[in-house]
């Protein structure tokens, strides 16, 4: 199984999209945002128009957070960038992602109360 990682975001190749997904729209800047950088305002994002983002209909994610459970990459593939809204590079280098379906995983950390998504 292929994986593509950028910081605390990991894309895991899957053989197809599961049932129960709804397609979500891009953010106001035309991006599929996989994770927001809470501290610096950057994002792990894809701008390629041949990529669609999905979340489970029952997902507990904040609808305004721009997070997706799965993406479907079409065309010749896409580039996952760690960027500011302007498109300028943030901390991590770009990652080329070939066409296919991917589960979006974000690193979590354990606390006694709950699992928490890692902030960066």
N, C-alpha and C. Protein backbone atom coordinates (compact mmCIF):
# COMPACT_ATOMS: atom_id res chain seq x y z
N UNK A 1 0.85 -1.17 0.00
CA UNK A 1 0.00 0.00 0.00
C UNK A 1 0.89 1.24 0.00
N UNK A 2 0.61 2.16 -0.87
CA UNK A 2 1.44 3.37 -0.97
C UNK A 2 0.95 4.45 -0.02
N UNK A 3 1.91 5.18 0.53
CA UNK A 3 1.62 6.30 1.42
C UNK A 3 2.39 7.52 0.93
N UNK A 4 1.80 8.68 1.14
CA UNK A 4 2.46 9.95 0.83
C UNK A 4 2.27 10.83 2.05
N UNK A 5 3.38 11.28 2.63
CA UNK A 5 3.32 12.04 3.88
C UNK A 5 3.91 13.42 3.68
N UNK A 6 3.24 14.38 4.34
CA UNK A 6 3.75 15.75 4.40
C UNK A 6 3.47 16.25 5.81
N UNK A 7 4.50 16.32 6.62
CA UNK A 7 4.31 16.73 8.01
C UNK A 7 3.39 15.78 8.73
N UNK A 8 2.32 16.31 9.33
CA UNK A 8 1.39 15.48 10.10
C UNK A 8 0.24 14.93 9.26
N UNK A 9 0.27 15.13 7.93
CA UNK A 9 -0.76 14.63 7.03
C UNK A 9 -0.21 13.44 6.23
N UNK A 10 -1.01 12.38 6.14
CA UNK A 10 -0.62 11.20 5.38
C UNK A 10 -1.76 10.83 4.44
N UNK A 11 -1.43 10.54 3.19
CA UNK A 11 -2.39 10.02 2.22
C UNK A 11 -2.08 8.55 2.02
N UNK A 12 -3.06 7.70 2.27
CA UNK A 12 -2.89 6.26 2.12
C UNK A 12 -3.71 5.80 0.94
N UNK A 13 -3.07 5.21 -0.07
CA UNK A 13 -3.77 4.73 -1.26
C UNK A 13 -4.77 3.65 -0.87
N UNK A 14 -5.98 3.74 -1.45
CA UNK A 14 -7.02 2.74 -1.24
C UNK A 14 -7.51 2.28 -2.61
N UNK A 15 -8.13 1.11 -2.64
CA UNK A 15 -8.57 0.56 -3.93
C UNK A 15 -9.83 1.24 -4.45
N UNK A 16 -10.55 1.95 -3.63
CA UNK A 16 -11.75 2.66 -4.05
C UNK A 16 -12.32 3.44 -2.88
N UNK A 17 -13.28 4.29 -3.18
CA UNK A 17 -13.91 5.08 -2.13
C UNK A 17 -15.02 4.27 -1.45
N UNK A 18 -15.13 4.35 -0.13
CA UNK A 18 -16.17 3.61 0.57
C UNK A 18 -17.54 4.26 0.39
N UNK A 19 -18.57 3.52 0.70
CA UNK A 19 -19.94 4.05 0.67
C UNK A 19 -20.12 5.05 1.80
N UNK A 20 -21.10 5.92 1.66
CA UNK A 20 -21.43 6.86 2.73
C UNK A 20 -20.66 8.16 2.68
N UNK A 21 -20.02 8.46 1.54
CA UNK A 21 -19.27 9.70 1.42
C UNK A 21 -20.11 10.77 0.72
N UNK A 22 -19.86 12.00 1.07
CA UNK A 22 -20.44 13.14 0.36
C UNK A 22 -19.29 14.01 -0.13
N UNK A 23 -19.45 14.57 -1.32
CA UNK A 23 -18.41 15.43 -1.85
C UNK A 23 -18.50 16.79 -1.17
N UNK A 24 -17.35 17.31 -0.79
CA UNK A 24 -17.28 18.61 -0.14
C UNK A 24 -16.67 19.63 -1.08
N UNK A 25 -17.01 20.87 -0.88
CA UNK A 25 -16.49 21.93 -1.75
C UNK A 25 -15.10 22.38 -1.29
N UNK A 26 -14.45 23.07 -2.19
CA UNK A 26 -13.14 23.64 -1.91
C UNK A 26 -13.29 24.88 -1.04
N UNK A 27 -12.18 25.36 -0.50
CA UNK A 27 -12.25 26.58 0.30
C UNK A 27 -12.40 27.80 -0.62
N UNK A 28 -12.47 28.96 -0.06
CA UNK A 28 -12.69 30.20 -0.82
C UNK A 28 -11.55 30.50 -1.79
N UNK A 29 -10.40 29.82 -1.64
CA UNK A 29 -9.24 30.05 -2.50
C UNK A 29 -9.09 28.94 -3.54
N UNK A 30 -10.09 28.07 -3.64
CA UNK A 30 -10.07 27.00 -4.63
C UNK A 30 -9.23 25.80 -4.25
N UNK A 31 -8.96 25.63 -2.96
CA UNK A 31 -8.09 24.56 -2.50
C UNK A 31 -8.86 23.44 -1.82
N UNK A 32 -8.32 22.22 -1.93
CA UNK A 32 -8.75 21.11 -1.09
C UNK A 32 -7.79 21.16 0.09
N UNK A 33 -8.27 21.60 1.25
CA UNK A 33 -7.41 21.75 2.42
C UNK A 33 -7.51 20.49 3.26
N UNK A 34 -6.38 19.80 3.40
CA UNK A 34 -6.34 18.56 4.17
C UNK A 34 -6.10 18.82 5.65
N UNK A 35 -5.40 19.90 5.97
CA UNK A 35 -5.17 20.29 7.36
C UNK A 35 -4.77 21.75 7.40
N UNK A 36 -5.27 22.45 8.40
CA UNK A 36 -4.89 23.85 8.63
C UNK A 36 -3.77 23.92 9.64
N UNK A 37 -2.88 24.87 9.46
CA UNK A 37 -1.84 25.15 10.45
C UNK A 37 -2.38 26.18 11.42
N UNK A 38 -2.74 25.73 12.60
CA UNK A 38 -3.36 26.61 13.57
C UNK A 38 -2.43 27.71 14.06
N UNK A 39 -1.15 27.43 14.07
CA UNK A 39 -0.21 28.40 14.63
C UNK A 39 0.25 29.46 13.63
N UNK A 40 0.40 29.09 12.36
CA UNK A 40 0.98 30.04 11.39
C UNK A 40 0.06 30.40 10.25
N UNK A 41 -1.12 29.79 10.17
CA UNK A 41 -2.05 30.12 9.10
C UNK A 41 -1.78 29.41 7.79
N UNK A 42 -0.84 28.49 7.75
CA UNK A 42 -0.57 27.73 6.53
C UNK A 42 -1.57 26.58 6.41
N UNK A 43 -1.49 25.87 5.30
CA UNK A 43 -2.36 24.71 5.11
C UNK A 43 -1.64 23.65 4.30
N UNK A 44 -2.03 22.42 4.49
CA UNK A 44 -1.63 21.31 3.63
C UNK A 44 -2.76 21.25 2.60
N UNK A 45 -2.49 21.65 1.36
CA UNK A 45 -3.58 21.85 0.41
C UNK A 45 -3.21 21.43 -1.00
N UNK A 46 -4.26 21.13 -1.77
CA UNK A 46 -4.12 20.78 -3.18
C UNK A 46 -4.98 21.75 -3.98
N UNK A 47 -4.41 22.35 -5.00
CA UNK A 47 -5.15 23.29 -5.85
C UNK A 47 -5.57 22.67 -7.18
N UNK A 48 -5.05 21.52 -7.53
CA UNK A 48 -5.33 20.90 -8.82
C UNK A 48 -6.84 20.69 -8.99
N UNK A 49 -7.43 21.16 -10.13
CA UNK A 49 -8.87 21.03 -10.34
C UNK A 49 -9.33 19.59 -10.59
N UNK A 50 -8.41 18.66 -10.85
CA UNK A 50 -8.78 17.26 -11.10
C UNK A 50 -8.84 16.45 -9.82
N UNK A 51 -8.90 17.12 -8.68
CA UNK A 51 -8.98 16.43 -7.38
C UNK A 51 -10.31 16.79 -6.71
N UNK A 52 -10.98 15.76 -6.21
CA UNK A 52 -12.23 15.97 -5.46
C UNK A 52 -12.03 15.48 -4.05
N UNK A 53 -12.67 16.16 -3.11
CA UNK A 53 -12.56 15.80 -1.70
C UNK A 53 -13.89 15.32 -1.16
N UNK A 54 -13.82 14.34 -0.26
CA UNK A 54 -15.02 13.72 0.29
C UNK A 54 -14.88 13.56 1.79
N UNK A 55 -16.02 13.54 2.47
CA UNK A 55 -16.04 13.21 3.89
C UNK A 55 -17.21 12.28 4.13
N UNK A 56 -17.13 11.51 5.21
CA UNK A 56 -18.25 10.66 5.56
C UNK A 56 -19.43 11.54 5.94
N UNK A 57 -20.60 11.15 5.53
CA UNK A 57 -21.80 11.91 5.84
C UNK A 57 -21.97 12.06 7.34
N UNK A 58 -21.51 11.07 8.09
CA UNK A 58 -21.63 11.09 9.54
C UNK A 58 -20.37 11.62 10.24
N UNK A 59 -19.44 12.19 9.47
CA UNK A 59 -18.18 12.66 10.02
C UNK A 59 -18.41 13.70 11.11
N UNK A 60 -17.58 13.63 12.14
CA UNK A 60 -17.67 14.60 13.23
C UNK A 60 -16.76 15.80 13.00
N UNK A 61 -16.12 15.86 11.84
CA UNK A 61 -15.27 17.02 11.55
C UNK A 61 -16.10 18.28 11.50
N UNK A 62 -15.49 19.38 11.87
CA UNK A 62 -16.12 20.69 11.72
C UNK A 62 -16.22 20.98 10.23
N UNK A 63 -17.43 21.20 9.74
CA UNK A 63 -17.64 21.42 8.31
C UNK A 63 -16.84 22.63 7.82
N UNK A 64 -16.59 23.60 8.68
CA UNK A 64 -15.84 24.80 8.28
C UNK A 64 -14.34 24.61 8.35
N UNK A 65 -13.87 23.46 8.84
CA UNK A 65 -12.43 23.26 9.02
C UNK A 65 -11.73 22.91 7.72
N UNK A 66 -12.46 22.50 6.70
CA UNK A 66 -11.84 22.18 5.43
C UNK A 66 -11.14 20.84 5.41
N UNK A 67 -11.51 19.95 6.30
CA UNK A 67 -10.85 18.66 6.38
C UNK A 67 -11.64 17.60 5.62
N UNK A 68 -10.95 16.68 5.00
CA UNK A 68 -11.56 15.65 4.19
C UNK A 68 -11.14 14.28 4.70
N UNK A 69 -12.02 13.29 4.51
CA UNK A 69 -11.69 11.92 4.89
C UNK A 69 -11.02 11.17 3.74
N UNK A 70 -11.38 11.51 2.50
CA UNK A 70 -10.83 10.88 1.30
C UNK A 70 -10.68 11.91 0.20
N UNK A 71 -9.74 11.66 -0.70
CA UNK A 71 -9.64 12.46 -1.92
C UNK A 71 -9.55 11.51 -3.11
N UNK A 72 -9.99 11.98 -4.25
CA UNK A 72 -9.89 11.24 -5.50
C UNK A 72 -9.09 12.11 -6.45
N UNK A 73 -7.91 11.63 -6.82
CA UNK A 73 -6.99 12.38 -7.67
C UNK A 73 -7.12 11.87 -9.10
N UNK A 74 -7.46 12.76 -10.02
CA UNK A 74 -7.61 12.39 -11.42
C UNK A 74 -6.51 12.97 -12.27
N UNK A 75 -6.73 12.94 -13.57
CA UNK A 75 -5.76 13.51 -14.51
C UNK A 75 -4.40 12.89 -14.38
N UNK A 76 -3.38 13.72 -14.44
CA UNK A 76 -2.00 13.27 -14.37
C UNK A 76 -1.46 13.27 -12.94
N UNK A 77 -2.35 13.43 -11.97
CA UNK A 77 -1.92 13.50 -10.59
C UNK A 77 -2.03 14.91 -10.06
N UNK A 78 -1.55 15.11 -8.84
CA UNK A 78 -1.66 16.42 -8.19
C UNK A 78 -0.44 16.66 -7.31
N UNK A 79 -0.35 17.87 -6.80
CA UNK A 79 0.73 18.25 -5.90
C UNK A 79 0.14 18.72 -4.59
N UNK A 80 0.55 18.07 -3.51
CA UNK A 80 0.18 18.48 -2.16
C UNK A 80 1.22 19.49 -1.71
N UNK A 81 0.75 20.69 -1.39
CA UNK A 81 1.67 21.75 -0.98
C UNK A 81 1.41 22.16 0.46
N UNK A 82 2.46 22.54 1.11
CA UNK A 82 2.39 23.13 2.45
C UNK A 82 2.56 24.61 2.20
N UNK A 83 1.45 25.36 2.25
CA UNK A 83 1.49 26.72 1.73
C UNK A 83 0.70 27.71 2.57
N UNK A 84 1.00 28.97 2.31
CA UNK A 84 0.21 30.06 2.85
C UNK A 84 -0.92 30.32 1.85
N UNK A 85 -1.91 31.11 2.22
CA UNK A 85 -3.04 31.38 1.32
C UNK A 85 -2.55 31.95 -0.01
N UNK A 86 -1.47 32.72 0.00
CA UNK A 86 -0.92 33.31 -1.22
C UNK A 86 -0.36 32.25 -2.17
N UNK A 87 -0.15 31.04 -1.67
CA UNK A 87 0.49 29.99 -2.46
C UNK A 87 1.98 29.86 -2.18
N UNK A 88 2.53 30.80 -1.40
CA UNK A 88 3.94 30.74 -1.04
C UNK A 88 4.21 29.52 -0.17
N UNK A 89 5.37 28.91 -0.37
CA UNK A 89 5.75 27.71 0.37
C UNK A 89 5.86 28.00 1.87
N UNK A 90 5.35 27.07 2.66
CA UNK A 90 5.52 27.13 4.10
C UNK A 90 6.69 26.22 4.47
N UNK A 91 6.57 25.41 5.47
CA UNK A 91 7.69 24.65 6.01
C UNK A 91 8.11 23.43 5.17
N UNK A 92 7.17 22.59 4.73
CA UNK A 92 7.49 21.33 4.08
C UNK A 92 7.53 21.47 2.56
N UNK A 93 8.33 20.63 1.90
CA UNK A 93 8.37 20.61 0.46
C UNK A 93 7.11 19.99 -0.12
N UNK A 94 6.89 20.20 -1.41
CA UNK A 94 5.71 19.67 -2.10
C UNK A 94 5.84 18.15 -2.28
N UNK A 95 4.68 17.49 -2.38
CA UNK A 95 4.63 16.04 -2.56
C UNK A 95 3.78 15.76 -3.79
N UNK A 96 4.35 15.04 -4.76
CA UNK A 96 3.60 14.63 -5.95
C UNK A 96 2.75 13.41 -5.60
N UNK A 97 1.47 13.47 -5.96
CA UNK A 97 0.53 12.39 -5.67
C UNK A 97 -0.03 11.88 -6.99
N UNK A 98 0.20 10.60 -7.32
CA UNK A 98 -0.31 10.05 -8.58
C UNK A 98 -1.84 9.89 -8.55
N UNK A 99 -2.45 9.71 -9.71
CA UNK A 99 -3.90 9.51 -9.76
C UNK A 99 -4.31 8.31 -8.91
N UNK A 100 -5.48 8.42 -8.29
CA UNK A 100 -6.00 7.32 -7.48
C UNK A 100 -6.86 7.83 -6.34
N UNK A 101 -7.33 6.91 -5.53
CA UNK A 101 -8.14 7.23 -4.35
C UNK A 101 -7.26 7.13 -3.11
N UNK A 102 -7.45 8.06 -2.17
CA UNK A 102 -6.61 8.11 -0.98
C UNK A 102 -7.44 8.42 0.26
N UNK A 103 -7.12 7.73 1.34
CA UNK A 103 -7.66 8.09 2.64
C UNK A 103 -6.76 9.16 3.23
N UNK A 104 -7.35 10.18 3.82
CA UNK A 104 -6.59 11.27 4.42
C UNK A 104 -6.48 10.99 5.91
N UNK A 105 -5.25 10.83 6.38
CA UNK A 105 -4.98 10.55 7.79
C UNK A 105 -4.19 11.71 8.37
N UNK A 106 -4.53 12.11 9.57
CA UNK A 106 -3.76 13.15 10.23
C UNK A 106 -3.24 12.60 11.54
N UNK A 107 -1.99 12.89 11.83
CA UNK A 107 -1.36 12.41 13.04
C UNK A 107 -2.15 12.86 14.26
N UNK A 108 -2.31 11.96 15.21
CA UNK A 108 -3.00 12.28 16.45
C UNK A 108 -2.07 12.01 17.63
N UNK A 109 -2.41 12.61 18.74
CA UNK A 109 -1.66 12.35 19.96
C UNK A 109 -2.62 11.95 21.06
N UNK A 110 -2.16 11.11 21.94
CA UNK A 110 -3.00 10.62 23.03
C UNK A 110 -2.99 11.59 24.19
N UNK A 111 -4.16 11.86 24.74
CA UNK A 111 -4.29 12.52 26.03
C UNK A 111 -5.22 11.62 26.85
N UNK A 112 -5.19 11.70 28.16
CA UNK A 112 -6.08 10.85 28.95
C UNK A 112 -7.57 11.06 28.62
N UNK A 113 -7.93 12.25 28.17
CA UNK A 113 -9.32 12.54 27.89
C UNK A 113 -9.76 12.07 26.50
N UNK A 114 -8.85 12.18 25.49
CA UNK A 114 -9.25 11.86 24.12
C UNK A 114 -8.03 11.84 23.20
N UNK A 115 -8.24 11.36 21.97
CA UNK A 115 -7.22 11.50 20.94
C UNK A 115 -7.39 12.87 20.33
N UNK A 116 -6.30 13.58 20.12
CA UNK A 116 -6.33 14.95 19.62
C UNK A 116 -5.51 15.05 18.35
N UNK A 117 -6.05 15.73 17.33
CA UNK A 117 -5.27 15.97 16.12
C UNK A 117 -4.07 16.83 16.46
N UNK A 118 -2.95 16.51 15.88
CA UNK A 118 -1.73 17.28 16.12
C UNK A 118 -1.88 18.65 15.47
N UNK A 119 -1.51 19.71 16.18
CA UNK A 119 -1.53 21.07 15.65
C UNK A 119 -0.14 21.40 15.15
N UNK A 120 -0.11 22.13 14.02
CA UNK A 120 1.23 22.60 13.60
C UNK A 120 1.16 24.01 13.10
